[in-house]
Structure formats: structure tokens, C-alpha cells
C-alpha atoms as a PDB file:
ATOM      1  CA  MET A   1     -10.479 -41.724 104.053  1.00  0.00           C
ATOM      2  CA  SER A   2     -13.315 -42.130 101.397  1.00  0.00           C
ATOM      3  CA  PRO A   3     -14.125 -39.520  98.636  1.00  0.00           C
ATOM      4  CA  GLN A   4     -17.140 -39.134 100.929  1.00  0.00           C
ATOM      5  CA  GLU A   5     -15.214 -38.851 103.503  1.00  0.00           C
ATOM      6  CA  ALA A   6     -13.118 -36.448 102.294  1.00  0.00           C
ATOM      7  CA  ARG A   7     -15.961 -33.985 100.658  1.00  0.00           C
ATOM      8  CA  ALA A   8     -17.700 -34.037 104.272  1.00  0.00           C
ATOM      9  CA  GLU A   9     -14.307 -33.144 106.093  1.00  0.00           C
ATOM     10  CA  LEU A  10     -13.732 -30.147 102.938  1.00  0.00           C
ATOM     11  CA  GLY A  11     -17.550 -29.175 104.001  1.00  0.00           C
ATOM     12  CA  GLU A  12     -17.701 -29.337 100.214  1.00  0.00           C
ATOM     13  CA  ALA A  13     -18.658 -31.793  96.982  1.00  0.00           C
ATOM     14  CA  LEU A  14     -15.339 -32.689  95.831  1.00  0.00           C
ATOM     15  CA  PRO A  15     -15.830 -32.869  91.436  1.00  0.00           C
ATOM     16  CA  ARG A  16     -16.122 -36.330  90.593  1.00  0.00           C
ATOM     17  CA  PRO A  17     -13.091 -37.118  88.001  1.00  0.00           C
ATOM     18  CA  SER A  18     -14.597 -36.729  84.297  1.00  0.00           C
ATOM     19  CA  THR A  19     -13.863 -39.691  82.948  1.00  0.00           C
ATOM     20  CA  GLY A  20     -16.731 -40.052  80.689  1.00  0.00           C
ATOM     21  CA  PRO A  21     -19.060 -43.139  80.457  1.00  0.00           C
ATOM     22  CA  GLU A  22     -17.076 -44.976  78.392  1.00  0.00           C
ATOM     23  CA  HIS A  23     -14.405 -44.941  81.316  1.00  0.00           C
ATOM     24  CA  SER A  24     -17.087 -45.827  84.118  1.00  0.00           C
ATOM     25  CA  LEU A  25     -17.898 -49.367  84.855  1.00  0.00           C
ATOM     26  CA  ARG A  26     -20.524 -50.355  87.506  1.00  0.00           C
ATOM     27  CA  LEU A  27     -19.281 -52.168  90.128  1.00  0.00           C
ATOM     28  CA  GLU A  28     -20.965 -55.629  89.288  1.00  0.00           C
ATOM     29  CA  GLU A  29     -19.487 -55.567  85.820  1.00  0.00           C
ATOM     30  CA  PHE A  30     -15.810 -54.184  87.988  1.00  0.00           C
ATOM     31  CA  ASN A  31     -16.353 -57.445  90.072  1.00  0.00           C
ATOM     32  CA  ALA A  32     -16.889 -59.764  86.807  1.00  0.00           C
ATOM     33  CA  LEU A  33     -13.893 -58.642  84.590  1.00  0.00           C
ATOM     34  CA  GLU A  34     -11.150 -61.147  83.905  1.00  0.00           C
ATOM     35  CA  ARG A  35      -8.260 -60.515  86.253  1.00  0.00           C
ATOM     36  CA  GLU A  36      -5.632 -57.871  84.015  1.00  0.00           C
ATOM     37  CA  ALA A  37      -9.324 -56.101  82.942  1.00  0.00           C
ATOM     38  CA  ALA A  38      -9.480 -55.067  86.514  1.00  0.00           C
ATOM     39  CA  MET A  39      -6.231 -54.136  86.908  1.00  0.00           C
ATOM     40  CA  GLU A  40      -6.265 -51.654  84.086  1.00  0.00           C
ATOM     41  CA  VAL A  41      -9.567 -50.196  84.815  1.00  0.00           C
ATOM     42  CA  LEU A  42      -7.680 -49.362  88.068  1.00  0.00           C
ATOM     43  CA  ARG A  43      -4.457 -48.931  87.279  1.00  0.00           C
ATOM     44  CA  PRO A  44      -4.904 -45.076  86.146  1.00  0.00           C
ATOM     45  CA  CYS A  45      -6.303 -44.311  89.742  1.00  0.00           C
ATOM     46  CA  LEU A  46      -2.963 -45.749  91.403  1.00  0.00           C
ATOM     47  CA  ASP A  47      -0.354 -47.502  89.474  1.00  0.00           C
ATOM     48  CA  VAL A  48       0.869 -49.592  92.185  1.00  0.00           C
ATOM     49  CA  GLY A  49       1.607 -53.167  91.601  1.00  0.00           C
ATOM     50  CA  ARG A  50       0.589 -54.526  95.087  1.00  0.00           C
ATOM     51  CA  TRP A  51      -2.445 -52.191  95.295  1.00  0.00           C
ATOM     52  CA  LEU A  52      -3.681 -53.243  91.992  1.00  0.00           C
ATOM     53  CA  THR A  53      -3.293 -57.026  93.230  1.00  0.00           C
ATOM     54  CA  GLU A  54      -4.625 -56.517  96.449  1.00  0.00           C
ATOM     55  CA  VAL A  55      -7.903 -54.330  95.494  1.00  0.00           C
ATOM     56  CA  VAL A  56      -8.615 -56.865  92.365  1.00  0.00           C
ATOM     57  CA  ASP A  57      -7.786 -60.159  94.197  1.00  0.00           C
ATOM     58  CA  GLY A  58     -10.220 -58.810  97.075  1.00  0.00           C
ATOM     59  CA  ARG A  59     -13.289 -59.013  94.279  1.00  0.00           C
ATOM     60  CA  PRO A  60     -16.402 -59.510  94.457  1.00  0.00           C
ATOM     61  CA  TYR A  61     -17.266 -56.283  96.482  1.00  0.00           C
ATOM     62  CA  GLY A  62     -20.755 -56.025  97.576  1.00  0.00           C
ATOM     63  CA  GLY A  63     -20.941 -51.692  97.338  1.00  0.00           C
ATOM     64  CA  MET A  64     -18.743 -49.341  97.165  1.00  0.00           C
ATOM     65  CA  GLY A  65     -17.853 -48.525 100.662  1.00  0.00           C
ATOM     66  CA  GLU A  66     -16.365 -52.480 100.342  1.00  0.00           C
ATOM     67  CA  LEU A  67     -13.985 -51.417  97.802  1.00  0.00           C
ATOM     68  CA  GLU A  68     -13.386 -47.883  99.156  1.00  0.00           C
ATOM     69  CA  THR A  69     -12.567 -49.265 102.339  1.00  0.00           C
ATOM     70  CA  ALA A  70     -10.621 -51.943 100.381  1.00  0.00           C
ATOM     71  CA  ALA A  71      -8.259 -49.548  98.040  1.00  0.00           C
ATOM     72  CA  ARG A  72      -7.808 -47.645 101.025  1.00  0.00           C
ATOM     73  CA  GLU A  73      -5.856 -50.379 103.219  1.00  0.00           C
ATOM     74  CA  ALA A  74      -3.887 -51.418 100.194  1.00  0.00           C
ATOM     75  CA  ALA A  75      -2.678 -48.167  99.778  1.00  0.00           C
ATOM     76  CA  ASP A  76      -1.687 -47.708 103.498  1.00  0.00           C
ATOM     77  CA  PRO A  77       1.112 -47.840 103.545  1.00  0.00           C
ATOM     78  CA  LEU A  78       2.743 -47.035 100.042  1.00  0.00           C
ATOM     79  CA  THR A  79       6.394 -47.845  99.932  1.00  0.00           C
ATOM     80  CA  ALA A  80       8.856 -45.186  98.795  1.00  0.00           C
ATOM     81  CA  GLU A  81       9.347 -47.316  96.115  1.00  0.00           C
ATOM     82  CA  GLU A  82       5.735 -47.374  95.312  1.00  0.00           C
ATOM     83  CA  VAL A  83       5.309 -44.171  95.636  1.00  0.00           C
ATOM     84  CA  GLU A  84       8.086 -43.285  92.824  1.00  0.00           C
ATOM     85  CA  ARG A  85       6.388 -45.431  90.968  1.00  0.00           C
ATOM     86  CA  ALA A  86       3.199 -43.246  91.552  1.00  0.00           C
ATOM     87  CA  LEU A  87       4.692 -40.046  90.902  1.00  0.00           C
ATOM     88  CA  ALA A  88       6.013 -40.303  87.963  1.00  0.00           C
ATOM     89  CA  HIS A  89       2.195 -40.389  86.310  1.00  0.00           C
ATOM     90  CA  HIS A  90       1.735 -36.783  87.873  1.00  0.00           C
ATOM     91  CA  PRO A  91       2.490 -33.667  86.295  1.00  0.00           C
ATOM     92  CA  ARG A  92       3.312 -30.745  88.108  1.00  0.00           C
ATOM     93  CA  ILE A  93       0.590 -28.796  90.005  1.00  0.00           C
ATOM     94  CA  GLY A  94      -0.824 -25.593  87.883  1.00  0.00           C
ATOM     95  CA  GLU A  95       0.953 -27.369  84.433  1.00  0.00           C
ATOM     96  CA  ARG A  96      -1.869 -29.545  82.157  1.00  0.00           C
ATOM     97  CA  ALA A  97      -0.948 -32.904  81.512  1.00  0.00           C
ATOM     98  CA  GLY A  98      -0.193 -33.925  77.788  1.00  0.00           C
ATOM     99  CA  GLY A  99      -1.247 -37.693  75.911  1.00  0.00           C
ATOM    100  CA  SER A 100      -4.383 -38.938  76.062  1.00  0.00           C
ATOM    101  CA  SER A 101      -3.756 -41.728  78.502  1.00  0.00           C
ATOM    102  CA  ALA A 102      -6.378 -42.571  81.257  1.00  0.00           C
ATOM    103  CA  GLU A 103      -4.295 -40.758  83.839  1.00  0.00           C
ATOM    104  CA  ALA A 104      -3.471 -37.250  81.537  1.00  0.00           C
ATOM    105  CA  THR A 105      -7.189 -37.175  81.059  1.00  0.00           C
ATOM    106  CA  LEU A 106      -7.616 -37.950  85.070  1.00  0.00           C
ATOM    107  CA  SER A 107      -5.269 -35.490  85.955  1.00  0.00           C
ATOM    108  CA  ARG A 108      -6.413 -32.720  83.180  1.00  0.00           C
ATOM    109  CA  SER A 109      -9.779 -33.091  84.520  1.00  0.00           C
ATOM    110  CA  GLU A 110      -8.817 -32.595  88.674  1.00  0.00           C
ATOM    111  CA  GLN A 111      -6.579 -29.470  87.447  1.00  0.00           C
ATOM    112  CA  ALA A 112      -9.566 -28.031  84.883  1.00  0.00           C
ATOM    113  CA  GLY A 113     -11.354 -26.229  87.841  1.00  0.00           C
ATOM    114  CA  LEU A 114      -7.821 -24.461  88.521  1.00  0.00           C
ATOM    115  CA  GLN A 115      -8.238 -20.120  87.608  1.00  0.00           C
ATOM    116  CA  ALA A 116      -4.294 -19.079  88.041  1.00  0.00           C
ATOM    117  CA  SER A 117      -3.496 -15.454  87.392  1.00  0.00           C
ATOM    118  CA  ASP A 118      -0.255 -14.760  86.168  1.00  0.00           C
ATOM    119  CA  ASP A 119       1.102 -13.931  89.222  1.00  0.00           C
ATOM    120  CA  VAL A 120      -0.421 -17.081  90.671  1.00  0.00           C
ATOM    121  CA  SER A 121       0.646 -18.822  87.657  1.00  0.00           C
ATOM    122  CA  ALA A 122       4.631 -17.941  88.719  1.00  0.00           C
ATOM    123  CA  GLN A 123       4.221 -18.236  92.041  1.00  0.00           C
ATOM    124  CA  LEU A 124       3.236 -22.446  91.062  1.00  0.00           C
ATOM    125  CA  GLU A 125       5.822 -22.372  88.997  1.00  0.00           C
ATOM    126  CA  ALA A 126       8.643 -21.080  91.266  1.00  0.00           C
ATOM    127  CA  GLY A 127       7.248 -22.854  94.017  1.00  0.00           C
ATOM    128  CA  ASN A 128       7.132 -26.527  92.033  1.00  0.00           C
ATOM    129  CA  ARG A 129      10.939 -25.759  91.237  1.00  0.00           C
ATOM    130  CA  ALA A 130      12.045 -24.692  94.767  1.00  0.00           C
ATOM    131  CA  TYR A 131       9.927 -28.313  95.962  1.00  0.00           C
ATOM    132  CA  GLU A 132      11.411 -30.102  93.243  1.00  0.00           C
ATOM    133  CA  GLU A 133      15.563 -28.908  94.113  1.00  0.00           C
ATOM    134  CA  ARG A 134      14.365 -29.362  98.144  1.00  0.00           C
ATOM    135  CA  PHE A 135      12.502 -32.871  97.694  1.00  0.00           C
ATOM    136  CA  GLY A 136      13.401 -34.025  94.589  1.00  0.00           C
ATOM    137  CA  ARG A 137      10.678 -35.090  92.787  1.00  0.00           C
ATOM    138  CA  VAL A 138       7.165 -33.359  91.805  1.00  0.00           C
ATOM    139  CA  PHE A 139       4.881 -31.288  94.296  1.00  0.00           C
ATOM    140  CA  LEU A 140       1.950 -33.800  94.781  1.00  0.00           C
ATOM    141  CA  ILE A 141      -1.736 -32.776  96.216  1.00  0.00           C
ATOM    142  CA  ARG A 142      -5.261 -33.197  95.493  1.00  0.00           C
ATOM    143  CA  ALA A 143      -6.153 -30.579  93.293  1.00  0.00           C
ATOM    144  CA  ALA A 144      -9.484 -31.266  93.119  1.00  0.00           C
ATOM    145  CA  GLY A 145     -11.515 -29.029  95.291  1.00  0.00           C
ATOM    146  CA  ARG A 146      -9.093 -26.582  95.911  1.00  0.00           C
ATOM    147  CA  SER A 147      -8.486 -23.433  94.488  1.00  0.00           C
ATOM    148  CA  SER A 148      -4.882 -22.194  92.920  1.00  0.00           C
ATOM    149  CA  GLU A 149      -4.800 -19.917  95.936  1.00  0.00           C
ATOM    150  CA  GLU A 150      -5.242 -22.594  98.114  1.00  0.00           C
ATOM    151  CA  LEU A 151      -2.464 -24.887  96.512  1.00  0.00           C
ATOM    152  CA  VAL A 152      -0.113 -21.901  96.696  1.00  0.00           C
ATOM    153  CA  THR A 153      -0.405 -21.635 100.473  1.00  0.00           C
ATOM    154  CA  ALA A 154      -0.320 -25.379 100.592  1.00  0.00           C
ATOM    155  CA  LEU A 155       2.913 -25.571  98.600  1.00  0.00           C
ATOM    156  CA  GLU A 156       4.564 -22.929 100.773  1.00  0.00           C
ATOM    157  CA  VAL A 157       3.753 -24.568 103.854  1.00  0.00           C
ATOM    158  CA  ARG A 158       4.904 -27.884 102.595  1.00  0.00           C
ATOM    159  CA  LEU A 159       8.495 -26.535 101.192  1.00  0.00           C
ATOM    160  CA  GLY A 160       8.617 -25.538 105.126  1.00  0.00           C
ATOM    161  CA  ASN A 161       8.687 -30.017 106.374  1.00  0.00           C
ATOM    162  CA  ASP A 162      11.425 -32.049 107.194  1.00  0.00           C
ATOM    163  CA  PRO A 163      11.872 -34.774 104.588  1.00  0.00           C
ATOM    164  CA  ASP A 164       9.869 -37.984 106.460  1.00  0.00           C
ATOM    165  CA  THR A 165       6.855 -35.371 107.239  1.00  0.00           C
ATOM    166  CA  GLU A 166       6.735 -34.776 103.605  1.00  0.00           C
ATOM    167  CA  ASP A 167       6.764 -38.451 102.557  1.00  0.00           C
ATOM    168  CA  ARG A 168       3.609 -39.167 105.036  1.00  0.00           C
ATOM    169  CA  ILE A 169       1.917 -36.312 103.311  1.00  0.00           C
ATOM    170  CA  VAL A 170       2.730 -37.169  99.574  1.00  0.00           C
ATOM    171  CA  ALA A 171       1.909 -40.842 100.388  1.00  0.00           C
ATOM    172  CA  ASP A 172      -1.264 -39.434 102.089  1.00  0.00           C
ATOM    173  CA  GLN A 173      -2.254 -37.389  98.668  1.00  0.00           C
ATOM    174  CA  LEU A 174      -1.602 -39.906  96.808  1.00  0.00           C
ATOM    175  CA  ARG A 175      -4.695 -42.055  98.620  1.00  0.00           C
ATOM    176  CA  GLU A 176      -6.546 -39.479  98.445  1.00  0.00           C
ATOM    177  CA  ILE A 177      -5.898 -38.726  94.909  1.00  0.00           C
ATOM    178  CA  ALA A 178      -6.468 -42.904  93.972  1.00  0.00           C
ATOM    179  CA  LEU A 179      -9.774 -42.949  96.281  1.00  0.00           C
ATOM    180  CA  LEU A 180     -11.238 -40.000  94.059  1.00  0.00           C
ATOM    181  CA  ARG A 181     -10.408 -41.206  90.973  1.00  0.00           C
ATOM    182  CA  LEU A 182     -11.641 -45.153  92.038  1.00  0.00           C
ATOM    183  CA  ALA A 183     -15.090 -43.391  92.380  1.00  0.00           C
ATOM    184  CA  GLY A 184     -14.976 -41.885  88.912  1.00  0.00           C
ATOM    185  CA  ARG A 185     -13.776 -45.245  87.492  1.00  0.00           C
ATOM    186  CA  VAL A 186     -16.483 -47.603  89.111  1.00  0.00           C
ATOM    187  CA  ILE A 187     -19.883 -46.818  89.881  1.00  0.00           C
ATOM    188  CA  GLU A 188     -22.352 -48.181  92.165  1.00  0.00           C
END
């Protein structure tokens, strides 16, 4: 699903990741980059080597729609190993990502709108802990455009999933996050 489709499906405008103008490239600039430089532009979107290679090697793109389609297709499916690698760059939901990496900056931006009361923060913390005990990984969800209460509800629902269902959901969430981040890194 493209960022535009995600926005339409949710019936709301999702915030564009705030990467700053120094981190956004026009599509024609992205198309003209050396291969390794193009991979570095995309790495904060989804740090999966196969995905990076497929998207970068698919250049040049005639429009953002082509780039988004290529990115979506390259991320479907993601292997268990690719999911594990990508999750290493995502903090717990409700926790502020540390550091100055592009991934941390994007994560802070995506979670910036979360306004959690002490009760909701405690629910997120307990839910994160329960999720990690049940599934052995951080709880991942596209936070952009969602309230803290929606995240708590989703976390509670997903704790009831079987591992196979949850694996599919996590991969879907990684794709959504990657496409939203891509829309902030490369612009028309």
C-alpha cells in the first residue's frame, strides 16, 4: 500500500516523516545518485539488503508512484531474517529513540504526536513487556497518525494473535513504515 493509499484507507492525512530538507531528495536527484549513495538514502526506510538492492537497481523511476510500487513489491514478502534485521532499528512503542541516526530521527518524528497519560504510558510499558515475552521481539506498529490509546488497543488485540498471524502483521507494519519513510526521503 502506498502512503497515499494508507492515508485514504485511514480516512485521514498521515503526517509525512519529518526528515528535514537536508535529508529529502527530489526523485530526479535520487535517480542520478551513485548506487551506494542511493542505498544510504533508503536505508533508514527499511534496512534490508535485498530490498535496498531491488529498489535502487530499479532506477530510474519516472514518478513517485513507480518508486512506491517498486518499494512495496520488493518488501513483499519479507523473510523472518529480514524482519529481525529491520526490527533492530525500531524502539519500543512509546519510548523515545536515542541517538542521532536517521532511523532514530524518523522514529522520534513518527511517535512525536503520541500524548500519553501516566495510565496509558503504564499500559504501553506493560503491553510492550508482555508482547516481548510472548513473541520474543519488540512490538512494531506504524505509530504515525495513531493516538496512544489506539496503540494500546492494537497492542492488546495483537497479544492474542498466534505467532504466524503476528509474523504477517509485523511484516505488513514494516512495509507501511518503509513506504511512509520513503515518502519523506524522496519527493516528487
